[in-house]
Amino acid sequence: MEQARTSLGFTSKTDTVIFALREVVRRSRVDDLKALMGRVSFEFDPADIRAKDRRQP
């Protein structure tokens, strides 16, 4: 705990634990997104999207 706290520059154990938990969640989300690579097809025409944006009030 002390090594993590000093490495991260935090002064409290609470901040260290909160940071670590957020990092675990972030990495899990990144892994989930990586698993979708190649499965999601996203085709668009930027000019068409710009034209639609201008037509909406």
C-alpha atoms as a PDB file:
ATOM      1  CA  MET A   1       0.000   0.000   0.000  1.00  0.00           C
ATOM      2  CA  GLU A   2       2.766   2.434   0.928  1.00  0.00           C
ATOM      3  CA  GLN A   3       4.688   1.772  -2.262  1.00  0.00           C
ATOM      4  CA  ALA A   4       1.577   2.406  -4.386  1.00  0.00           C
ATOM      5  CA  ARG A   5       0.736   5.536  -2.412  1.00  0.00           C
ATOM      6  CA  THR A   6       4.172   7.069  -2.812  1.00  0.00           C
ATOM      7  CA  SER A   7       4.470   5.991  -6.455  1.00  0.00           C
ATOM      8  CA  LEU A   8       1.198   7.703  -7.280  1.00  0.00           C
ATOM      9  CA  GLY A   9       1.999  10.752  -5.195  1.00  0.00           C
ATOM     10  CA  PHE A  10      -0.998  10.473  -2.912  1.00  0.00           C
ATOM     11  CA  THR A  11      -0.921  11.318   0.764  1.00  0.00           C
ATOM     12  CA  SER A  12      -3.819   9.147   1.860  1.00  0.00           C
ATOM     13  CA  LYS A  13      -4.580   5.458   1.567  1.00  0.00           C
ATOM     14  CA  THR A  14      -8.179   6.306   0.632  1.00  0.00           C
ATOM     15  CA  ASP A  15      -7.086   8.267  -2.442  1.00  0.00           C
ATOM     16  CA  THR A  16      -4.796   5.410  -3.440  1.00  0.00           C
ATOM     17  CA  VAL A  17      -7.568   2.819  -3.168  1.00  0.00           C
ATOM     18  CA  ILE A  18     -10.088   5.006  -5.043  1.00  0.00           C
ATOM     19  CA  PHE A  19      -7.577   5.571  -7.845  1.00  0.00           C
ATOM     20  CA  ALA A  20      -6.782   1.862  -8.057  1.00  0.00           C
ATOM     21  CA  LEU A  21     -10.452   0.875  -8.236  1.00  0.00           C
ATOM     22  CA  ARG A  22     -11.149   3.429 -10.956  1.00  0.00           C
ATOM     23  CA  GLU A  23      -8.163   2.113 -12.892  1.00  0.00           C
ATOM     24  CA  VAL A  24      -9.457  -1.464 -12.647  1.00  0.00           C
ATOM     25  CA  VAL A  25     -12.845  -0.370 -14.016  1.00  0.00           C
ATOM     26  CA  ARG A  26     -11.196   1.681 -16.786  1.00  0.00           C
ATOM     27  CA  ARG A  27      -9.042  -1.245 -17.879  1.00  0.00           C
ATOM     28  CA  SER A  28     -12.049  -3.542 -17.905  1.00  0.00           C
ATOM     29  CA  ARG A  29     -13.914  -1.123 -20.166  1.00  0.00           C
ATOM     30  CA  VAL A  30     -10.933  -0.869 -22.501  1.00  0.00           C
ATOM     31  CA  ASP A  31     -10.781  -4.662 -22.696  1.00  0.00           C
ATOM     32  CA  ASP A  32     -14.518  -4.766 -23.501  1.00  0.00           C
ATOM     33  CA  LEU A  33     -14.023  -2.255 -26.316  1.00  0.00           C
ATOM     34  CA  LYS A  34     -11.051  -4.204 -27.665  1.00  0.00           C
ATOM     35  CA  ALA A  35     -13.230  -7.323 -27.773  1.00  0.00           C
ATOM     36  CA  LEU A  36     -15.638  -5.477 -30.079  1.00  0.00           C
ATOM     37  CA  MET A  37     -12.940  -4.640 -32.606  1.00  0.00           C
ATOM     38  CA  GLY A  38     -13.774  -6.226 -35.916  1.00  0.00           C
ATOM     39  CA  ARG A  39     -17.333  -7.009 -34.844  1.00  0.00           C
ATOM     40  CA  VAL A  40     -18.815  -3.554 -35.261  1.00  0.00           C
ATOM     41  CA  SER A  41     -19.184  -2.121 -38.724  1.00  0.00           C
ATOM     42  CA  PHE A  42     -19.415   1.645 -38.852  1.00  0.00           C
ATOM     43  CA  GLU A  43     -19.723   3.090 -42.313  1.00  0.00           C
ATOM     44  CA  PHE A  44     -20.597   6.723 -42.857  1.00  0.00           C
ATOM     45  CA  ASP A  45     -20.200   9.574 -45.269  1.00  0.00           C
ATOM     46  CA  PRO A  46     -18.976  12.717 -43.472  1.00  0.00           C
ATOM     47  CA  ALA A  47     -20.554  14.983 -46.111  1.00  0.00           C
ATOM     48  CA  ASP A  48     -23.925  13.291 -45.616  1.00  0.00           C
ATOM     49  CA  ILE A  49     -23.717  13.711 -41.843  1.00  0.00           C
ATOM     50  CA  ARG A  50     -22.858  17.411 -42.201  1.00  0.00           C
ATOM     51  CA  ALA A  51     -25.796  17.928 -44.560  1.00  0.00           C
ATOM     52  CA  LYS A  52     -28.212  16.271 -42.100  1.00  0.00           C
ATOM     53  CA  ASP A  53     -26.968  18.454 -39.246  1.00  0.00           C
ATOM     54  CA  ARG A  54     -27.715  21.616 -41.236  1.00  0.00           C
ATOM     55  CA  ARG A  55     -31.278  20.547 -42.068  1.00  0.00           C
ATOM     56  CA  GLN A  56     -32.319  20.061 -38.453  1.00  0.00           C
ATOM     57  CA  PRO A  57     -33.604  23.224 -36.699  1.00  0.00           C
END
